[in-house]
């Protein structure tokens, strides 16, 4: 199948393009990029007024399958990803059974190939069962397609255990993605420790519960020479630790979520909205501003969602009993466009770096670019359309989006994965 994507504003810093050109696709590849391309044998799509970028990738997503299909499935959550403009996601391993061996990696890959609406790059657990006691079957997982190692959901508690995992696993050249949470310090914390936790009478989660492990994991990465990626960073001091590690020349990267940039602890009011209960928790306005500044200056490498679907009944409980996590993959592009691009904080080139180029580079998967010969993973979005998050429901199986009711600008209209359409005029194919 061939497509001629006409008159879109193409933005790809890797290809040095920022202007209106045509893009021609044949089968799974881009074959031509330029002005007034011939439409011979191709279906023509007029994309005037749209922005076309290398396919977006969310490198931190919980698909829930296997084991938690009441929350979400590979089909439903990749459907949500495609709706949000994503051409790929990195799945987290806190499934049941835990994704800590090649068999489970193969299961995720096979279901994604059969039922998925975007590419799925599976990560594998650092330790068996996420228990932090025994190294997982890292080599087996890499042989079957794992792209990274992480105990996301709780993080490795022992520094010695982390060292052993890194010393062994670094031979495979994969990145170690760290969920930084000192469980002994955090305890049963529910929200950021401070004014809001006091006002609401909820147990506090100190910023230091995250920052101590960021500092520790950077130190262990220095010791072992492993590649380290700090997940969902949420505090100003934590970001300073990453900034210093980068200045030292260590292979350390980090990611930030829209909710840690555009929401704060003050959003949690007297209704105790459990959609706002996330891990790590929403922090102060000063922390959120620091994370945005890190996005602008390049300290933050990637924007992710930590998309975490839960069943309605799980979130419809007392705040301290409800599980942590919110969905957000369907709104991520719009939130970044609204809060960062439209406000002039970053341009579309920087957005592409954060949401397409860097995630692929960190995960070590094939690069995608808008130039001949590249794989045709492409995201097209309308940068001006205004809509309200959740007003028309969600493609995700879950409804626990902390941005529900927020008016945003910009929305994906067309998505191609390997030259095949997964989203057409905003509708899942």
Protein backbone atom coordinates (compact mmCIF):
# COMPACT_ATOMS: atom_id res chain seq x y z
CA UNK A 1 0.00 0.00 0.00
CA UNK A 2 1.26 3.49 -0.88
CA UNK A 3 0.26 6.83 0.60
CA UNK A 4 1.14 10.38 -0.35
CA UNK A 5 0.88 12.63 2.71
CA UNK A 6 0.54 16.09 1.21
CA UNK A 7 1.18 19.57 2.55
CA UNK A 8 1.75 18.77 6.24
CA UNK A 9 4.07 20.85 8.37
CA UNK A 10 6.82 18.28 8.87
CA UNK A 11 9.02 18.63 11.95
CA UNK A 12 12.00 16.33 12.42
CA UNK A 13 15.18 17.75 13.93
CA UNK A 14 17.06 14.53 13.08
CA UNK A 15 16.38 15.11 9.38
CA UNK A 16 16.74 18.89 9.60
CA UNK A 17 13.15 19.46 8.44
CA UNK A 18 10.79 22.12 9.77
CA UNK A 19 8.44 23.15 6.99
CA UNK A 20 5.63 22.15 4.63
CA UNK A 21 6.60 19.19 2.44
CA UNK A 22 5.08 15.98 1.07
CA UNK A 23 5.91 12.51 2.39
CA UNK A 24 5.43 9.36 0.30
CA UNK A 25 5.10 5.91 1.88
CA UNK A 26 5.34 2.55 0.11
CA UNK A 27 4.76 -0.61 2.12
CA UNK A 28 6.54 -0.10 5.45
CA UNK A 29 9.01 2.60 4.39
CA UNK A 30 9.21 6.27 3.58
CA UNK A 31 10.41 6.49 -0.03
CA UNK A 32 10.30 10.23 -0.81
CA UNK A 33 10.23 13.52 1.04
CA UNK A 34 9.94 16.82 -0.83
CA UNK A 35 7.69 19.35 -2.49
CA UNK A 36 5.04 18.49 -5.09
CA UNK A 37 5.71 14.77 -5.12
CA UNK A 38 4.00 12.58 -7.70
CA UNK A 39 0.91 10.72 -6.51
CA UNK A 40 1.34 7.83 -8.97
CA UNK A 41 -0.12 4.68 -7.46
CA UNK A 42 -0.64 6.24 -4.03
CA UNK A 43 -3.65 7.19 -1.95
CA UNK A 44 -3.46 10.94 -1.39
CA UNK A 45 -4.13 12.44 2.05
CA UNK A 46 -4.34 16.22 2.24
CA UNK A 47 -2.81 17.15 5.58
CA UNK A 48 -2.86 20.93 5.18
CA UNK A 49 -2.80 22.59 8.58
CA UNK A 50 -1.59 19.41 10.30
CA UNK A 51 1.79 18.69 11.87
CA UNK A 52 3.62 15.49 10.88
CA UNK A 53 6.39 14.09 13.08
CA UNK A 54 8.33 10.85 13.55
CA UNK A 55 6.07 8.40 15.38
CA UNK A 56 5.72 9.16 19.08
CA UNK A 57 6.81 6.59 21.68
CA UNK A 58 5.73 6.42 25.33
CA UNK A 59 8.50 4.56 27.14
CA UNK A 60 6.59 4.01 30.40
CA UNK A 61 3.20 2.31 30.09
CA UNK A 62 1.35 -0.34 32.10
CA UNK A 63 -0.60 -2.61 29.74
CA UNK A 64 -1.75 -4.84 32.67
CA UNK A 65 -1.77 -8.04 30.64
CA UNK A 66 -1.08 -10.79 31.65
CA UNK A 67 -2.90 -11.10 34.94
CA UNK A 68 -4.77 -7.83 35.42
CA UNK A 69 -7.11 -7.84 32.44
CA UNK A 70 -9.88 -6.33 34.60
CA UNK A 71 -7.80 -3.13 34.57
CA UNK A 72 -6.70 -3.16 30.94
CA UNK A 73 -5.46 -5.40 28.14
CA UNK A 74 -2.75 -5.15 25.54
CA UNK A 75 -5.50 -4.53 22.98
CA UNK A 76 -7.33 -1.84 24.95
CA UNK A 77 -4.27 0.07 26.13
CA UNK A 78 -2.49 0.06 22.77
CA UNK A 79 -5.80 1.27 21.32
CA UNK A 80 -5.60 4.15 23.80
CA UNK A 81 -1.98 4.71 22.79
CA UNK A 82 -2.90 4.96 19.11
CA UNK A 83 -5.70 7.39 19.96
CA UNK A 84 -3.10 9.54 21.69
CA UNK A 85 -0.84 9.51 18.65
CA UNK A 86 1.64 6.86 19.81
CA UNK A 87 3.31 4.45 17.41
CA UNK A 88 5.03 2.52 20.20
CA UNK A 89 5.04 1.93 23.95
CA UNK A 90 7.43 0.31 26.41
CA UNK A 91 5.46 -2.03 28.66
CA UNK A 92 6.27 -2.37 32.36
CA UNK A 93 6.86 -5.81 33.94
CA UNK A 94 4.63 -5.64 37.05
CA UNK A 95 2.15 -8.12 35.58
CA UNK A 96 0.96 -11.48 36.94
CA UNK A 97 3.05 -13.48 36.37
CA UNK A 98 5.77 -10.84 36.55
CA UNK A 99 7.55 -10.32 33.25
CA UNK A 100 10.85 -11.71 34.49
CA UNK A 101 11.62 -14.42 31.91
CA UNK A 102 11.62 -15.04 28.18
CA UNK A 103 8.29 -16.89 28.17
CA UNK A 104 6.38 -13.87 29.49
CA UNK A 105 8.26 -11.54 27.14
CA UNK A 106 7.15 -13.78 24.26
CA UNK A 107 3.58 -13.71 25.52
CA UNK A 108 3.49 -9.90 25.56
CA UNK A 109 5.06 -9.72 22.11
CA UNK A 110 2.75 -12.32 20.55
CA UNK A 111 -0.44 -10.76 21.92
CA UNK A 112 0.75 -7.32 20.84
CA UNK A 113 1.49 -8.57 17.34
CA UNK A 114 -1.93 -10.19 17.09
CA UNK A 115 -4.10 -7.59 18.84
CA UNK A 116 -2.04 -4.44 19.31
CA UNK A 117 -2.62 -1.05 17.72
CA UNK A 118 1.00 0.10 18.04
CA UNK A 119 4.42 -1.41 18.62
CA UNK A 120 5.10 -2.84 22.07
CA UNK A 121 8.67 -2.84 23.37
CA UNK A 122 8.59 -5.03 26.51
CA UNK A 123 10.80 -4.33 29.51
CA UNK A 124 11.77 -7.09 31.90
CA UNK A 125 12.10 -7.13 35.66
CA UNK A 126 15.53 -6.70 37.25
CA UNK A 127 14.69 -9.23 39.98
CA UNK A 128 12.52 -12.34 40.05
CA UNK A 129 8.96 -11.53 40.98
CA UNK A 130 10.00 -7.90 41.67
CA UNK A 131 11.03 -9.15 45.12
CA UNK A 132 14.53 -7.66 45.08
CA UNK A 133 16.13 -10.95 46.12
CA UNK A 134 17.38 -12.84 43.03
CA UNK A 135 18.45 -11.55 39.62
CA UNK A 136 15.88 -12.22 36.91
CA UNK A 137 16.51 -14.21 33.74
CA UNK A 138 18.02 -11.20 31.98
CA UNK A 139 19.79 -13.00 29.16
CA UNK A 140 16.72 -15.09 28.40
CA UNK A 141 14.57 -11.97 28.25
CA UNK A 142 16.98 -10.11 25.98
CA UNK A 143 17.11 -13.12 23.65
CA UNK A 144 13.33 -12.89 23.35
CA UNK A 145 13.19 -9.13 22.82
CA UNK A 146 13.30 -7.27 26.15
CA UNK A 147 14.56 -3.72 25.62
CA UNK A 148 15.22 -2.67 29.24
CA UNK A 149 15.28 -3.83 32.85
CA UNK A 150 13.19 -2.32 35.65
CA UNK A 151 11.45 -3.27 38.87
CA UNK A 152 8.96 -0.47 38.23
CA UNK A 153 6.15 -0.37 40.72
CA UNK A 154 8.42 -0.52 43.75
CA UNK A 155 12.09 -0.38 42.80
CA UNK A 156 15.06 -2.41 44.05
CA UNK A 157 15.43 -1.71 47.77
CA UNK A 158 18.91 -3.13 48.39
CA UNK A 159 21.95 -1.29 47.03
CA UNK A 160 23.89 -4.57 46.88
CA UNK A 161 21.09 -6.21 44.92
CA UNK A 162 21.04 -3.31 42.47
CA UNK A 163 24.80 -3.60 42.05
CA UNK A 164 24.60 -7.31 41.30
CA UNK A 165 21.82 -6.75 38.76
CA UNK A 166 23.75 -3.98 37.04
CA UNK A 167 27.09 -5.82 37.10
CA UNK A 168 25.48 -8.86 35.50
CA UNK A 169 22.97 -7.18 33.22
CA UNK A 170 25.22 -4.52 31.72
CA UNK A 171 26.75 -7.17 29.41
CA UNK A 172 23.53 -7.05 27.41
CA UNK A 173 23.84 -3.32 26.73
CA UNK A 174 20.34 -2.52 28.00
CA UNK A 175 19.30 0.42 30.14
CA UNK A 176 18.30 0.00 33.79
CA UNK A 177 15.15 2.02 34.50
CA UNK A 178 14.82 2.93 38.14
CA UNK A 179 11.66 3.50 40.16
CA UNK A 180 13.13 5.51 43.03
CA UNK A 181 11.25 4.84 46.26
CA UNK A 182 12.86 4.16 49.61
CA UNK A 183 10.07 2.03 51.08
CA UNK A 184 11.43 2.23 54.62
CA UNK A 185 11.25 6.03 54.52
CA UNK A 186 8.06 6.35 52.46
CA UNK A 187 6.16 3.79 54.54
CA UNK A 188 2.41 4.04 53.97
CA UNK A 189 2.65 7.57 52.54
CA UNK A 190 -0.28 8.56 50.35
CA UNK A 191 0.44 12.11 49.14
CA UNK A 192 3.37 14.53 49.20
CA UNK A 193 4.39 15.26 52.78
CA UNK A 194 3.65 18.88 53.60
CA UNK A 195 0.78 21.33 53.79
CA UNK A 196 -1.67 19.24 51.77
CA UNK A 197 -1.04 15.96 53.62
CA UNK A 198 -1.61 17.84 56.88
CA UNK A 199 -4.76 19.56 55.64
CA UNK A 200 -6.29 16.33 54.33
CA UNK A 201 -5.16 14.15 57.22
CA UNK A 202 -3.32 11.72 54.96
CA UNK A 203 0.04 10.08 55.60
CA UNK A 204 2.83 12.04 53.93
CA UNK A 205 5.35 10.80 51.39
CA UNK A 206 8.52 12.91 51.74
CA UNK A 207 10.40 14.03 48.66
CA UNK A 208 13.50 12.52 50.25
CA UNK A 209 11.91 9.09 49.83
CA UNK A 210 12.54 9.55 46.10
CA UNK A 211 15.70 11.64 46.20
CA UNK A 212 17.72 9.26 48.41
CA UNK A 213 17.29 6.46 45.89
CA UNK A 214 18.06 8.73 42.93
CA UNK A 215 21.37 9.59 44.61
CA UNK A 216 22.01 5.92 45.48
CA UNK A 217 21.22 4.63 42.01
CA UNK A 218 23.45 7.23 40.36
CA UNK A 219 26.26 6.15 42.70
CA UNK A 220 25.73 2.47 41.85
CA UNK A 221 25.63 3.30 38.12
CA UNK A 222 28.95 5.12 38.56
CA UNK A 223 30.36 2.05 40.31
CA UNK A 224 29.17 -0.47 37.74
CA UNK A 225 29.29 1.51 34.50
CA UNK A 226 25.67 0.58 33.74
CA UNK A 227 23.25 2.82 31.86
CA UNK A 228 20.70 4.32 34.26
CA UNK A 229 17.34 5.93 33.52
CA UNK A 230 15.42 7.61 36.35
CA UNK A 231 11.69 7.05 35.95
CA UNK A 232 8.91 9.62 36.56
CA UNK A 233 11.13 12.18 38.31
CA UNK A 234 9.04 14.51 40.46
CA UNK A 235 11.20 16.72 42.69
CA UNK A 236 13.47 19.70 42.11
CA UNK A 237 16.32 18.23 44.16
CA UNK A 238 16.02 14.91 42.35
CA UNK A 239 16.42 16.72 39.05
CA UNK A 240 19.52 18.49 40.38
CA UNK A 241 21.05 15.10 41.15
CA UNK A 242 20.45 13.99 37.55
CA UNK A 243 21.81 17.28 36.22
CA UNK A 244 25.01 16.80 38.22
CA UNK A 245 25.36 13.19 37.02
CA UNK A 246 25.06 14.32 33.42
CA UNK A 247 27.68 17.03 33.99
CA UNK A 248 29.98 14.33 35.40
CA UNK A 249 29.62 12.39 32.17
CA UNK A 250 27.67 9.44 33.52
CA UNK A 251 25.20 7.61 31.28
CA UNK A 252 22.18 8.85 33.23
CA UNK A 253 18.87 9.93 31.71
CA UNK A 254 15.45 10.73 33.17
CA UNK A 255 11.81 11.08 32.24
CA UNK A 256 8.92 13.25 33.40
CA UNK A 257 5.15 12.84 33.22
CA UNK A 258 2.50 15.43 32.33
CA UNK A 259 0.93 15.03 35.76
CA UNK A 260 4.17 15.88 37.55
CA UNK A 261 4.56 18.96 35.35
CA UNK A 262 1.01 20.25 35.02
CA UNK A 263 -0.65 19.12 38.27
CA UNK A 264 0.43 19.71 41.87
CA UNK A 265 -0.53 18.49 45.34
CA UNK A 266 -2.96 21.43 45.53
CA UNK A 267 -5.21 19.68 43.00
CA UNK A 268 -6.14 17.13 45.69
CA UNK A 269 -9.10 18.68 47.48
CA UNK A 270 -11.85 17.78 49.91
CA UNK A 271 -13.35 15.27 47.45
CA UNK A 272 -10.24 13.09 47.82
CA UNK A 273 -10.19 12.34 44.08
CA UNK A 274 -8.35 9.02 43.86
CA UNK A 275 -7.46 9.63 40.20
CA UNK A 276 -4.90 12.04 41.62
CA UNK A 277 -3.29 9.35 43.78
CA UNK A 278 -0.10 8.53 41.91
CA UNK A 279 3.34 7.08 42.60
CA UNK A 280 5.43 9.16 43.11
CA UNK A 281 2.83 11.62 44.40
CA UNK A 282 1.96 15.01 42.96
CA UNK A 283 4.47 17.43 44.41
CA UNK A 284 4.61 21.18 45.08
CA UNK A 285 4.21 23.95 42.53
CA UNK A 286 7.94 24.64 42.92
CA UNK A 287 8.77 21.04 42.07
CA UNK A 288 6.49 21.09 39.01
CA UNK A 289 8.09 24.32 37.78
CA UNK A 290 11.55 22.79 38.22
CA UNK A 291 10.57 19.74 36.14
CA UNK A 292 9.26 22.01 33.37
CA UNK A 293 12.54 23.97 33.52
CA UNK A 294 14.38 20.65 33.17
CA UNK A 295 12.37 19.85 30.05
CA UNK A 296 13.30 23.23 28.60
CA UNK A 297 17.04 23.06 29.40
CA UNK A 298 17.49 19.44 28.34
CA UNK A 299 17.98 17.80 31.74
CA UNK A 300 14.76 15.83 31.23
CA UNK A 301 15.27 13.47 28.31
CA UNK A 302 11.78 12.08 27.70
CA UNK A 303 8.14 12.78 28.40
CA UNK A 304 6.16 9.68 29.38
CA UNK A 305 2.77 9.04 30.96
CA UNK A 306 3.26 6.13 33.41
CA UNK A 307 -0.19 5.21 32.03
CA UNK A 308 -1.70 3.07 34.81
CA UNK A 309 -5.26 1.85 34.22
CA UNK A 310 -7.37 0.63 37.15
CA UNK A 311 -10.93 -0.68 37.32
CA UNK A 312 -13.55 1.83 38.47
CA UNK A 313 -14.28 -0.13 41.64
CA UNK A 314 -10.62 -0.11 42.63
CA UNK A 315 -10.42 3.67 42.51
CA UNK A 316 -13.89 4.15 44.07
CA UNK A 317 -12.62 3.43 47.56
CA UNK A 318 -11.22 5.43 50.45
CA UNK A 319 -8.13 7.34 49.36
CA UNK A 320 -5.71 5.23 51.40
CA UNK A 321 -7.20 1.98 50.04
CA UNK A 322 -7.26 2.97 46.36
CA UNK A 323 -4.30 1.91 44.20
CA UNK A 324 -1.75 4.40 42.94
CA UNK A 325 -1.81 5.49 39.30
CA UNK A 326 -3.66 7.42 36.61
CA UNK A 327 -4.20 6.98 32.90
CA UNK A 328 -3.04 9.67 30.50
CA UNK A 329 -1.74 8.32 27.22
CA UNK A 330 -4.71 9.64 25.23
CA UNK A 331 -4.11 13.20 26.45
CA UNK A 332 -0.31 13.38 26.67
CA UNK A 333 0.30 14.94 23.24
CA UNK A 334 -2.44 17.50 23.81
CA UNK A 335 -1.18 18.39 27.29
CA UNK A 336 2.37 18.94 26.02
CA UNK A 337 1.09 20.98 23.08
CA UNK A 338 -1.15 23.09 25.32
CA UNK A 339 1.20 23.69 28.24
CA UNK A 340 4.64 23.70 26.64
CA UNK A 341 4.45 24.40 22.91
CA UNK A 342 1.55 26.85 22.79
CA UNK A 343 3.05 28.79 25.70
CA UNK A 344 6.37 29.12 23.90
CA UNK A 345 8.36 27.11 26.44
CA UNK A 346 9.50 24.60 23.80
CA UNK A 347 9.03 24.22 20.05
CA UNK A 348 7.85 21.20 18.09
CA UNK A 349 11.44 20.15 17.43
CA UNK A 350 12.08 19.81 21.15
CA UNK A 351 8.77 17.98 21.56
CA UNK A 352 9.86 15.46 18.91
CA UNK A 353 13.15 14.97 20.75
CA UNK A 354 11.31 14.33 24.04
CA UNK A 355 8.52 12.12 22.72
CA UNK A 356 10.07 10.31 19.75
CA UNK A 357 13.83 10.52 19.29
CA UNK A 358 15.11 10.22 22.87
CA UNK A 359 12.78 7.38 23.96
CA UNK A 360 13.98 5.26 21.06
CA UNK A 361 17.60 6.12 21.76
CA UNK A 362 17.34 5.30 25.47
CA UNK A 363 15.57 2.00 24.79
CA UNK A 364 18.01 1.11 22.02
CA UNK A 365 15.29 0.45 19.44
CA UNK A 366 15.46 1.44 15.76
CA UNK A 367 15.47 5.17 15.10
CA UNK A 368 12.69 6.62 12.95
CA UNK A 369 13.01 9.75 10.86
CA UNK A 370 11.10 11.54 8.12
CA UNK A 371 13.53 10.71 5.35
CA UNK A 372 13.76 8.11 2.58
CA UNK A 373 14.53 4.61 3.78
CA UNK A 374 13.19 5.12 7.29
CA UNK A 375 10.52 2.91 8.77
CA UNK A 376 7.15 4.59 8.22
CA UNK A 377 6.15 5.14 11.85
CA UNK A 378 4.45 8.53 11.66
CA UNK A 379 2.24 10.68 13.89
CA UNK A 380 0.02 13.42 12.43
CA UNK A 381 -1.87 15.85 14.65
CA UNK A 382 -4.04 18.93 14.40
CA UNK A 383 -2.28 21.54 16.55
CA UNK A 384 -5.30 23.85 16.83
CA UNK A 385 -8.31 21.66 17.60
CA UNK A 386 -9.68 22.17 21.12
CA UNK A 387 -11.30 19.37 23.12
CA UNK A 388 -12.04 18.32 26.69
CA UNK A 389 -10.27 15.31 28.19
CA UNK A 390 -12.74 12.53 28.91
CA UNK A 391 -15.77 14.30 27.44
CA UNK A 392 -16.17 11.58 24.79
CA UNK A 393 -14.97 8.74 26.98
CA UNK A 394 -11.72 6.84 26.58
CA UNK A 395 -10.34 4.11 24.35
CA UNK A 396 -8.59 2.75 27.45
CA UNK A 397 -10.50 0.19 29.45
CA UNK A 398 -10.07 2.47 32.47
CA UNK A 399 -11.40 5.92 33.37
CA UNK A 400 -8.97 7.03 36.08
CA UNK A 401 -7.52 10.04 34.26
CA UNK A 402 -6.40 12.87 36.52
CA UNK A 403 -6.88 15.40 33.71
CA UNK A 404 -10.57 14.59 33.13
CA UNK A 405 -12.51 17.77 32.36
CA UNK A 406 -9.40 19.72 31.28
CA UNK A 407 -9.72 21.70 28.04
CA UNK A 408 -6.69 21.14 25.82
CA UNK A 409 -5.49 22.06 22.33
CA UNK A 410 -4.12 19.62 19.78
CA UNK A 411 -5.05 16.04 18.96
CA UNK A 412 -3.72 13.17 16.85
CA UNK A 413 -5.61 12.65 13.61
CA UNK A 414 -3.59 10.00 11.76
CA UNK A 415 -1.07 7.40 12.86
CA UNK A 416 0.98 5.03 10.70
CA UNK A 417 2.87 2.05 12.11
CA UNK A 418 5.13 0.42 9.55
CA UNK A 419 3.15 2.12 6.81
CA UNK A 420 -0.18 0.77 8.08
CA UNK A 421 -2.86 3.13 9.37
CA UNK A 422 -3.82 2.63 12.99
CA UNK A 423 -5.63 5.96 13.36
CA UNK A 424 -7.58 7.68 10.57
CA UNK A 425 -9.18 11.08 11.06
CA UNK A 426 -9.07 10.51 14.81
CA UNK A 427 -10.75 7.09 14.64
CA UNK A 428 -9.01 3.81 15.50
CA UNK A 429 -8.69 1.61 12.41
